[in-house]
PDB file of N, CA and C in Angstrom:
ATOM      1  N   MET A   1      71.128 122.979   6.151  1.00  0.00           N
ATOM      2  CA  MET A   1      72.341 122.866   5.366  1.00  0.00           C
ATOM      3  C   MET A   1      72.225 123.776   4.148  1.00  0.00           C
ATOM      4  N   THR A   2      73.367 124.308   3.748  1.00  0.00           N
ATOM      5  CA  THR A   2      73.413 125.132   2.544  1.00  0.00           C
ATOM      6  C   THR A   2      74.427 124.552   1.579  1.00  0.00           C
ATOM      7  N   ASP A   3      74.410 125.074   0.363  1.00  0.00           N
ATOM      8  CA  ASP A   3      75.389 124.650  -0.636  1.00  0.00           C
ATOM      9  C   ASP A   3      76.688 125.434  -0.514  1.00  0.00           C
ATOM     10  N   ILE A   4      76.700 126.442   0.382  1.00  0.00           N
ATOM     11  CA  ILE A   4      77.882 127.278   0.558  1.00  0.00           C
ATOM     12  C   ILE A   4      78.788 126.621   1.594  1.00  0.00           C
ATOM     13  N   PRO A   5      80.053 126.325   1.250  1.00  0.00           N
ATOM     14  CA  PRO A   5      80.943 125.695   2.225  1.00  0.00           C
ATOM     15  C   PRO A   5      81.283 126.646   3.366  1.00  0.00           C
ATOM     16  N   ASN A   6      81.498 126.099   4.547  1.00  0.00           N
ATOM     17  CA  ASN A   6      81.873 126.884   5.712  1.00  0.00           C
ATOM     18  C   ASN A   6      83.382 127.098   5.675  1.00  0.00           C
ATOM     19  N   GLU A   7      83.798 128.274   5.283  1.00  0.00           N
ATOM     20  CA  GLU A   7      85.223 128.583   5.173  1.00  0.00           C
ATOM     21  C   GLU A   7      85.743 129.392   6.357  1.00  0.00           C
ATOM     22  N   SER A   8      84.901 129.630   7.370  1.00  0.00           N
ATOM     23  CA  SER A   8      85.327 130.465   8.490  1.00  0.00           C
ATOM     24  C   SER A   8      86.366 129.770   9.357  1.00  0.00           C
ATOM     25  N   GLY A   9      86.311 128.458   9.412  1.00  0.00           N
ATOM     26  CA  GLY A   9      87.218 127.728  10.281  1.00  0.00           C
ATOM     27  C   GLY A   9      86.904 127.963  11.745  1.00  0.00           C
ATOM     28  N   ALA A  10      85.661 128.292  12.074  1.00  0.00           N
ATOM     29  CA  ALA A  10      85.269 128.573  13.456  1.00  0.00           C
ATOM     30  C   ALA A  10      85.607 127.388  14.356  1.00  0.00           C
ATOM     31  N   GLN A  11      86.214 127.686  15.488  1.00  0.00           N
ATOM     32  CA  GLN A  11      86.621 126.648  16.430  1.00  0.00           C
ATOM     33  C   GLN A  11      85.825 126.748  17.724  1.00  0.00           C
ATOM     34  N   GLU A  12      86.210 127.655  18.617  1.00  0.00           N
ATOM     35  CA  GLU A  12      85.567 127.772  19.920  1.00  0.00           C
ATOM     36  C   GLU A  12      84.915 129.129  20.080  1.00  0.00           C
ATOM     37  N   MET A  13      83.994 129.223  21.045  1.00  0.00           N
ATOM     38  CA  MET A  13      83.285 130.468  21.306  1.00  0.00           C
ATOM     39  C   MET A  13      83.223 130.725  22.806  1.00  0.00           C
ATOM     40  N   VAL A  14      83.285 132.018  23.184  1.00  0.00           N
ATOM     41  CA  VAL A  14      83.099 132.434  24.577  1.00  0.00           C
ATOM     42  C   VAL A  14      82.237 133.693  24.575  1.00  0.00           C
ATOM     43  N   LEU A  15      81.619 133.994  25.724  1.00  0.00           N
ATOM     44  CA  LEU A  15      80.759 135.164  25.884  1.00  0.00           C
ATOM     45  C   LEU A  15      81.358 136.138  26.882  1.00  0.00           C
ATOM     46  N   ASP A  16      81.012 137.429  26.729  1.00  0.00           N
ATOM     47  CA  ASP A  16      81.364 138.395  27.768  1.00  0.00           C
ATOM     48  C   ASP A  16      80.100 138.751  28.546  1.00  0.00           C
ATOM     49  N   THR A  17      80.234 139.563  29.581  1.00  0.00           N
ATOM     50  CA  THR A  17      79.110 139.885  30.455  1.00  0.00           C
ATOM     51  C   THR A  17      78.092 140.815  29.801  1.00  0.00           C
ATOM     52  N   ARG A  18      78.402 141.356  28.633  1.00  0.00           N
ATOM     53  CA  ARG A  18      77.450 142.203  27.901  1.00  0.00           C
ATOM     54  C   ARG A  18      76.695 141.417  26.830  1.00  0.00           C
ATOM     55  N   GLY A  19      76.998 140.125  26.711  1.00  0.00           N
ATOM     56  CA  GLY A  19      76.302 139.289  25.746  1.00  0.00           C
ATOM     57  C   GLY A  19      76.974 139.214  24.393  1.00  0.00           C
ATOM     58  N   ASN A  20      78.190 139.749  24.261  1.00  0.00           N
ATOM     59  CA  ASN A  20      78.930 139.641  23.000  1.00  0.00           C
ATOM     60  C   ASN A  20      79.548 138.258  22.884  1.00  0.00           C
ATOM     61  N   LEU A  21      79.622 137.760  21.671  1.00  0.00           N
ATOM     62  CA  LEU A  21      80.172 136.438  21.390  1.00  0.00           C
ATOM     63  C   LEU A  21      81.526 136.587  20.718  1.00  0.00           C
ATOM     64  N   TYR A  22      82.515 135.850  21.185  1.00  0.00           N
ATOM     65  CA  TYR A  22      83.864 135.849  20.617  1.00  0.00           C
ATOM     66  C   TYR A  22      84.089 134.481  19.989  1.00  0.00           C
ATOM     67  N   VAL A  23      84.455 134.476  18.699  1.00  0.00           N
ATOM     68  CA  VAL A  23      84.588 133.223  17.961  1.00  0.00           C
ATOM     69  C   VAL A  23      86.009 133.099  17.421  1.00  0.00           C
ATOM     70  N   ALA A  24      86.667 131.976  17.693  1.00  0.00           N
ATOM     71  CA  ALA A  24      88.001 131.693  17.158  1.00  0.00           C
ATOM     72  C   ALA A  24      87.838 131.271  15.703  1.00  0.00           C
ATOM     73  N   THR A  25      88.438 132.033  14.767  1.00  0.00           N
ATOM     74  CA  THR A  25      88.325 131.725  13.334  1.00  0.00           C
ATOM     75  C   THR A  25      89.692 131.846  12.665  1.00  0.00           C
ATOM     76  N   ARG A  26      89.727 131.536  11.378  1.00  0.00           N
ATOM     77  CA  ARG A  26      90.968 131.666  10.608  1.00  0.00           C
ATOM     78  C   ARG A  26      91.410 133.117  10.487  1.00  0.00           C
ATOM     79  N   MET A  27      90.443 134.050  10.464  1.00  0.00           N
ATOM     80  CA  MET A  27      90.768 135.476  10.308  1.00  0.00           C
ATOM     81  C   MET A  27      91.219 136.114  11.608  1.00  0.00           C
ATOM     82  N   GLY A  28      90.935 135.509  12.727  1.00  0.00           N
ATOM     83  CA  GLY A  28      91.231 136.072  14.044  1.00  0.00           C
ATOM     84  C   GLY A  28      90.050 135.804  14.962  1.00  0.00           C
ATOM     85  N   ILE A  29      89.926 136.612  15.999  1.00  0.00           N
ATOM     86  CA  ILE A  29      88.818 136.472  16.933  1.00  0.00           C
ATOM     87  C   ILE A  29      87.705 137.403  16.470  1.00  0.00           C
ATOM     88  N   GLN A  30      86.609 136.823  15.997  1.00  0.00           N
ATOM     89  CA  GLN A  30      85.481 137.641  15.550  1.00  0.00           C
ATOM     90  C   GLN A  30      84.599 137.948  16.752  1.00  0.00           C
ATOM     91  N   VAL A  31      84.299 139.244  16.927  1.00  0.00           N
ATOM     92  CA  VAL A  31      83.464 139.699  18.034  1.00  0.00           C
ATOM     93  C   VAL A  31      82.085 140.039  17.463  1.00  0.00           C
ATOM     94  N   CYS A  32      81.077 139.308  17.917  1.00  0.00           N
ATOM     95  CA  CYS A  32      79.717 139.490  17.408  1.00  0.00           C
ATOM     96  C   CYS A  32      78.819 140.064  18.497  1.00  0.00           C
ATOM     97  N   ASP A  33      77.910 140.973  18.101  1.00  0.00           N
ATOM     98  CA  ASP A  33      76.946 141.506  19.054  1.00  0.00           C
ATOM     99  C   ASP A  33      75.807 140.502  19.234  1.00  0.00           C
ATOM    100  N   ARG A  34      74.824 140.864  20.055  1.00  0.00           N
ATOM    101  CA  ARG A  34      73.727 139.939  20.352  1.00  0.00           C
ATOM    102  C   ARG A  34      72.853 139.627  19.151  1.00  0.00           C
ATOM    103  N   ASN A  35      72.924 140.459  18.114  1.00  0.00           N
ATOM    104  CA  ASN A  35      72.157 140.196  16.897  1.00  0.00           C
ATOM    105  C   ASN A  35      72.937 139.349  15.907  1.00  0.00           C
ATOM    106  N   GLY A  36      74.158 138.955  16.271  1.00  0.00           N
ATOM    107  CA  GLY A  36      74.969 138.103  15.413  1.00  0.00           C
ATOM    108  C   GLY A  36      75.836 138.856  14.422  1.00  0.00           C
ATOM    109  N   ARG A  37      75.827 140.196  14.478  1.00  0.00           N
ATOM    110  CA  ARG A  37      76.645 140.995  13.562  1.00  0.00           C
ATOM    111  C   ARG A  37      78.083 141.033  14.046  1.00  0.00           C
ATOM    112  N   VAL A  38      79.018 140.837  13.127  1.00  0.00           N
ATOM    113  CA  VAL A  38      80.437 140.937  13.475  1.00  0.00           C
ATOM    114  C   VAL A  38      80.764 142.416  13.653  1.00  0.00           C
ATOM    115  N   ARG A  39      81.210 142.786  14.844  1.00  0.00           N
ATOM    116  CA  ARG A  39      81.527 144.172  15.170  1.00  0.00           C
ATOM    117  C   ARG A  39      83.022 144.451  15.133  1.00  0.00           C
ATOM    118  N   ALA A  40      83.831 143.408  15.254  1.00  0.00           N
ATOM    119  CA  ALA A  40      85.291 143.583  15.225  1.00  0.00           C
ATOM    120  C   ALA A  40      85.933 142.234  14.949  1.00  0.00           C
ATOM    121  N   ILE A  41      87.148 142.288  14.425  1.00  0.00           N
ATOM    122  CA  ILE A  41      87.974 141.093  14.280  1.00  0.00           C
ATOM    123  C   ILE A  41      89.314 141.415  14.922  1.00  0.00           C
ATOM    124  N   LEU A  42      89.673 140.657  15.948  1.00  0.00           N
ATOM    125  CA  LEU A  42      90.935 140.853  16.661  1.00  0.00           C
ATOM    126  C   LEU A  42      91.953 139.865  16.107  1.00  0.00           C
ATOM    127  N   PRO A  43      92.894 140.331  15.287  1.00  0.00           N
ATOM    128  CA  PRO A  43      93.883 139.408  14.729  1.00  0.00           C
ATOM    129  C   PRO A  43      94.946 139.046  15.765  1.00  0.00           C
ATOM    130  N   LEU A  44      95.525 137.872  15.619  1.00  0.00           N
ATOM    131  CA  LEU A  44      96.676 137.510  16.440  1.00  0.00           C
ATOM    132  C   LEU A  44      97.906 138.199  15.865  1.00  0.00           C
ATOM    133  N   PRO A  45      98.933 138.416  16.692  1.00  0.00           N
ATOM    134  CA  PRO A  45     100.170 139.020  16.164  1.00  0.00           C
ATOM    135  C   PRO A  45     100.763 138.180  15.035  1.00  0.00           C
ATOM    136  N   THR A  46     101.392 138.839  14.083  1.00  0.00           N
ATOM    137  CA  THR A  46     102.012 138.166  12.942  1.00  0.00           C
ATOM    138  C   THR A  46     103.425 137.754  13.323  1.00  0.00           C
ATOM    139  N   PRO A  47     103.952 136.636  12.937  1.00  0.00           N
ATOM    140  CA  PRO A  47     103.266 135.541  12.250  1.00  0.00           C
ATOM    141  C   PRO A  47     102.620 134.596  13.253  1.00  0.00           C
ATOM    142  N   SER A  48     101.460 134.166  12.953  1.00  0.00           N
ATOM    143  CA  SER A  48     100.785 133.139  13.754  1.00  0.00           C
ATOM    144  C   SER A  48      99.752 132.456  12.873  1.00  0.00           C
ATOM    145  N   GLY A  49      99.295 131.329  13.331  1.00  0.00           N
ATOM    146  CA  GLY A  49      98.291 130.593  12.578  1.00  0.00           C
ATOM    147  C   GLY A  49      96.893 131.041  12.963  1.00  0.00           C
ATOM    148  N   PRO A  50      95.883 130.352  12.468  1.00  0.00           N
ATOM    149  CA  PRO A  50      94.507 130.693  12.825  1.00  0.00           C
ATOM    150  C   PRO A  50      94.245 130.437  14.310  1.00  0.00           C
ATOM    151  N   VAL A  51      93.299 131.165  14.867  1.00  0.00           N
ATOM    152  CA  VAL A  51      92.956 130.994  16.278  1.00  0.00           C
ATOM    153  C   VAL A  51      92.288 129.638  16.442  1.00  0.00           C
ATOM    154  N   ARG A  52      92.765 128.858  17.386  1.00  0.00           N
ATOM    155  CA  ARG A  52      92.241 127.509  17.619  1.00  0.00           C
ATOM    156  C   ARG A  52      91.355 127.426  18.858  1.00  0.00           C
ATOM    157  N   SER A  53      91.688 128.231  19.875  1.00  0.00           N
ATOM    158  CA  SER A  53      90.969 128.100  21.139  1.00  0.00           C
ATOM    159  C   SER A  53      90.940 129.438  21.867  1.00  0.00           C
ATOM    160  N   LEU A  54      89.878 129.653  22.658  1.00  0.00           N
ATOM    161  CA  LEU A  54      89.683 130.882  23.426  1.00  0.00           C
ATOM    162  C   LEU A  54      89.257 130.545  24.845  1.00  0.00           C
ATOM    163  N   CYS A  55      89.582 131.430  25.782  1.00  0.00           N
ATOM    164  CA  CYS A  55      89.036 131.339  27.131  1.00  0.00           C
ATOM    165  C   CYS A  55      89.262 132.677  27.829  1.00  0.00           C
ATOM    166  N   TRP A  56      88.582 132.879  28.935  1.00  0.00           N
ATOM    167  CA  TRP A  56      88.774 134.060  29.769  1.00  0.00           C
ATOM    168  C   TRP A  56      89.682 133.688  30.923  1.00  0.00           C
ATOM    169  N   ALA A  57      90.500 134.652  31.370  1.00  0.00           N
ATOM    170  CA  ALA A  57      91.419 134.397  32.474  1.00  0.00           C
ATOM    171  C   ALA A  57      91.513 135.649  33.343  1.00  0.00           C
ATOM    172  N   GLY A  58      92.147 135.490  34.483  1.00  0.00           N
ATOM    173  CA  GLY A  58      92.314 136.592  35.422  1.00  0.00           C
ATOM    174  C   GLY A  58      91.319 136.481  36.557  1.00  0.00           C
ATOM    175  N   GLN A  59      91.590 137.187  37.631  1.00  0.00           N
ATOM    176  CA  GLN A  59      90.739 137.129  38.823  1.00  0.00           C
ATOM    177  C   GLN A  59      89.295 137.517  38.515  1.00  0.00           C
ATOM    178  N   HIS A  60      89.102 138.502  37.615  1.00  0.00           N
ATOM    179  CA  HIS A  60      87.764 138.966  37.263  1.00  0.00           C
ATOM    180  C   HIS A  60      87.445 138.677  35.795  1.00  0.00           C
ATOM    181  N   PHE A  61      88.165 137.724  35.205  1.00  0.00           N
ATOM    182  CA  PHE A  61      87.983 137.336  33.802  1.00  0.00           C
ATOM    183  C   PHE A  61      88.139 138.535  32.865  1.00  0.00           C
ATOM    184  N   GLU A  62      89.163 139.328  33.139  1.00  0.00           N
ATOM    185  CA  GLU A  62      89.427 140.537  32.352  1.00  0.00           C
ATOM    186  C   GLU A  62      90.374 140.300  31.178  1.00  0.00           C
ATOM    187  N   TYR A  63      90.917 139.103  31.043  1.00  0.00           N
ATOM    188  CA  TYR A  63      91.838 138.776  29.952  1.00  0.00           C
ATOM    189  C   TYR A  63      91.209 137.762  29.008  1.00  0.00           C
ATOM    190  N   LEU A  64      91.277 138.076  27.721  1.00  0.00           N
ATOM    191  CA  LEU A  64      90.875 137.120  26.695  1.00  0.00           C
ATOM    192  C   LEU A  64      92.148 136.402  26.256  1.00  0.00           C
ATOM    193  N   VAL A  65      92.157 135.094  26.362  1.00  0.00           N
ATOM    194  CA  VAL A  65      93.340 134.293  26.050  1.00  0.00           C
ATOM    195  C   VAL A  65      93.032 133.450  24.814  1.00  0.00           C
ATOM    196  N   ALA A  66      93.969 133.440  23.874  1.00  0.00           N
ATOM    197  CA  ALA A  66      93.787 132.690  22.631  1.00  0.00           C
ATOM    198  C   ALA A  66      95.062 131.919  22.315  1.00  0.00           C
ATOM    199  N   THR A  67      94.921 130.879  21.524  1.00  0.00           N
ATOM    200  CA  THR A  67      96.080 130.132  21.056  1.00  0.00           C
ATOM    201  C   THR A  67      95.903 129.771  19.589  1.00  0.00           C
ATOM    202  N   ASP A  68      97.045 129.672  18.901  1.00  0.00           N
ATOM    203  CA  ASP A  68      97.033 129.190  17.513  1.00  0.00           C
ATOM    204  C   ASP A  68      97.510 127.747  17.460  1.00  0.00           C
ATOM    205  N   GLY A  69      97.627 127.126  18.622  1.00  0.00           N
ATOM    206  CA  GLY A  69      98.100 125.749  18.710  1.00  0.00           C
ATOM    207  C   GLY A  69      99.599 125.667  18.974  1.00  0.00           C
ATOM    208  N   GLN A  70     100.305 126.780  18.809  1.00  0.00           N
ATOM    209  CA  GLN A  70     101.751 126.821  19.048  1.00  0.00           C
ATOM    210  C   GLN A  70     102.107 127.800  20.171  1.00  0.00           C
ATOM    211  N   ARG A  71     101.421 128.931  20.191  1.00  0.00           N
ATOM    212  CA  ARG A  71     101.702 129.990  21.159  1.00  0.00           C
ATOM    213  C   ARG A  71     100.406 130.409  21.846  1.00  0.00           C
ATOM    214  N   ILE A  72     100.543 131.046  23.019  1.00  0.00           N
ATOM    215  CA  ILE A  72      99.399 131.558  23.768  1.00  0.00           C
ATOM    216  C   ILE A  72      99.490 133.078  23.786  1.00  0.00           C
ATOM    217  N   PHE A  73      98.344 133.740  23.538  1.00  0.00           N
ATOM    218  CA  PHE A  73      98.263 135.193  23.507  1.00  0.00           C
ATOM    219  C   PHE A  73      97.238 135.652  24.538  1.00  0.00           C
ATOM    220  N   LYS A  74      97.522 136.774  25.204  1.00  0.00           N
ATOM    221  CA  LYS A  74      96.629 137.296  26.239  1.00  0.00           C
ATOM    222  C   LYS A  74      96.383 138.771  25.967  1.00  0.00           C
ATOM    223  N   ARG A  75      95.118 139.193  26.061  1.00  0.00           N
ATOM    224  CA  ARG A  75      94.762 140.593  25.825  1.00  0.00           C
ATOM    225  C   ARG A  75      93.807 141.054  26.917  1.00  0.00           C
ATOM    226  N   ARG A  76      94.162 142.166  27.576  1.00  0.00           N
ATOM    227  CA  ARG A  76      93.281 142.743  28.593  1.00  0.00           C
ATOM    228  C   ARG A  76      92.113 143.420  27.883  1.00  0.00           C
ATOM    229  N   MET A  77      90.900 143.133  28.352  1.00  0.00           N
ATOM    230  CA  MET A  77      89.697 143.660  27.714  1.00  0.00           C
ATOM    231  C   MET A  77      89.005 144.671  28.629  1.00  0.00           C
ATOM    232  N   ASN A  78      88.233 145.580  28.032  1.00  0.00           N
ATOM    233  CA  ASN A  78      87.460 146.556  28.803  1.00  0.00           C
ATOM    234  C   ASN A  78      86.187 145.944  29.380  1.00  0.00           C
ATOM    235  N   VAL A  79      85.790 144.811  28.860  1.00  0.00           N
ATOM    236  CA  VAL A  79      84.621 144.089  29.351  1.00  0.00           C
ATOM    237  C   VAL A  79      85.119 142.768  29.925  1.00  0.00           C
ATOM    238  N   HIS A  80      84.418 142.244  30.911  1.00  0.00           N
ATOM    239  CA  HIS A  80      84.847 140.995  31.534  1.00  0.00           C
ATOM    240  C   HIS A  80      84.162 139.807  30.882  1.00  0.00           C
ATOM    241  N   GLY A  81      84.840 138.684  30.954  1.00  0.00           N
ATOM    242  CA  GLY A  81      84.304 137.455  30.381  1.00  0.00           C
ATOM    243  C   GLY A  81      83.269 136.811  31.272  1.00  0.00           C
ATOM    244  N   TRP A  82      82.462 135.981  30.664  1.00  0.00           N
ATOM    245  CA  TRP A  82      81.429 135.231  31.371  1.00  0.00           C
ATOM    246  C   TRP A  82      82.020 133.919  31.844  1.00  0.00           C
ATOM    247  N   GLU A  83      81.829 133.623  33.112  1.00  0.00           N
ATOM    248  CA  GLU A  83      82.315 132.353  33.654  1.00  0.00           C
ATOM    249  C   GLU A  83      81.510 131.221  33.042  1.00  0.00           C
ATOM    250  N   GLN A  84      82.172 130.298  32.394  1.00  0.00           N
ATOM    251  CA  GLN A  84      81.465 129.220  31.706  1.00  0.00           C
ATOM    252  C   GLN A  84      80.697 128.319  32.653  1.00  0.00           C
ATOM    253  N   TRP A  85      81.105 128.224  33.880  1.00  0.00           N
ATOM    254  CA  TRP A  85      80.452 127.333  34.833  1.00  0.00           C
ATOM    255  C   TRP A  85      79.469 128.089  35.730  1.00  0.00           C
ATOM    256  N   ALA A  86      79.267 129.392  35.491  1.00  0.00           N
ATOM    257  CA  ALA A  86      78.359 130.196  36.314  1.00  0.00           C
ATOM    258  C   ALA A  86      76.904 129.791  36.059  1.00  0.00           C
ATOM    259  N   PRO A  87      76.049 129.958  37.068  1.00  0.00           N
ATOM    260  CA  PRO A  87      74.628 129.670  36.850  1.00  0.00           C
ATOM    261  C   PRO A  87      74.024 130.669  35.881  1.00  0.00           C
ATOM    262  N   LYS A  88      72.864 130.348  35.330  1.00  0.00           N
ATOM    263  CA  LYS A  88      72.175 131.240  34.404  1.00  0.00           C
ATOM    264  C   LYS A  88      71.944 132.596  35.062  1.00  0.00           C
ATOM    265  N   ALA A  89      72.016 133.637  34.248  1.00  0.00           N
ATOM    266  CA  ALA A  89      71.745 134.992  34.726  1.00  0.00           C
ATOM    267  C   ALA A  89      71.220 135.803  33.559  1.00  0.00           C
ATOM    268  N   ALA A  90      70.491 136.849  33.868  1.00  0.00           N
ATOM    269  CA  ALA A  90      69.955 137.717  32.829  1.00  0.00           C
ATOM    270  C   ALA A  90      71.083 138.563  32.242  1.00  0.00           C
ATOM    271  N   VAL A  91      71.061 138.740  30.935  1.00  0.00           N
ATOM    272  CA  VAL A  91      72.024 139.602  30.257  1.00  0.00           C
ATOM    273  C   VAL A  91      71.471 141.015  30.343  1.00  0.00           C
ATOM    274  N   PRO A  92      72.324 142.037  30.571  1.00  0.00           N
ATOM    275  CA  PRO A  92      71.821 143.414  30.662  1.00  0.00           C
ATOM    276  C   PRO A  92      71.024 143.797  29.423  1.00  0.00           C
ATOM    277  N   ALA A  93      70.011 144.643  29.633  1.00  0.00           N
ATOM    278  CA  ALA A  93      69.168 145.092  28.517  1.00  0.00           C
ATOM    279  C   ALA A  93      69.973 145.912  27.525  1.00  0.00           C
ATOM    280  N   LEU A  94      69.577 145.829  26.257  1.00  0.00           N
ATOM    281  CA  LEU A  94      70.225 146.626  25.210  1.00  0.00           C
ATOM    282  C   LEU A  94      69.799 148.069  25.359  1.00  0.00           C
ATOM    283  N   SER A  95      70.728 148.970  25.052  1.00  0.00           N
ATOM    284  CA  SER A  95      70.400 150.395  25.089  1.00  0.00           C
ATOM    285  C   SER A  95      70.760 151.005  23.756  1.00  0.00           C
ATOM    286  N   GLY A  96      69.796 151.569  23.085  1.00  0.00           N
ATOM    287  CA  GLY A  96      70.034 152.256  21.807  1.00  0.00           C
ATOM    288  C   GLY A  96      70.864 151.453  20.825  1.00  0.00           C
ATOM    289  N   GLY A  97      71.089 151.952  19.635  1.00  0.00           N
ATOM    290  CA  GLY A  97      71.917 151.436  18.562  1.00  0.00           C
ATOM    291  C   GLY A  97      72.462 150.124  18.730  1.00  0.00           C
TER     292      GLY A  97
END
């Protein structure tokens, strides 16, 4: 525990097949690399509330789906999502940078 309050409003998290973590937060969908560094923040279209929930959709899990509790948003991604019910598998090795 720290004395710093958690103001991120983090809700749900999902993974992609490259090991990146997507976190639903008040600022949008924060995309973190395997070292935990935030590499991007995907905002929802304006006006909308904070991201409440995330999941992957599509035949090959190519769509990242988010909701603010009122509306549903879908974005086609260049990387595919990880099936939450899939058995354990090795994540591809990191290459450079």
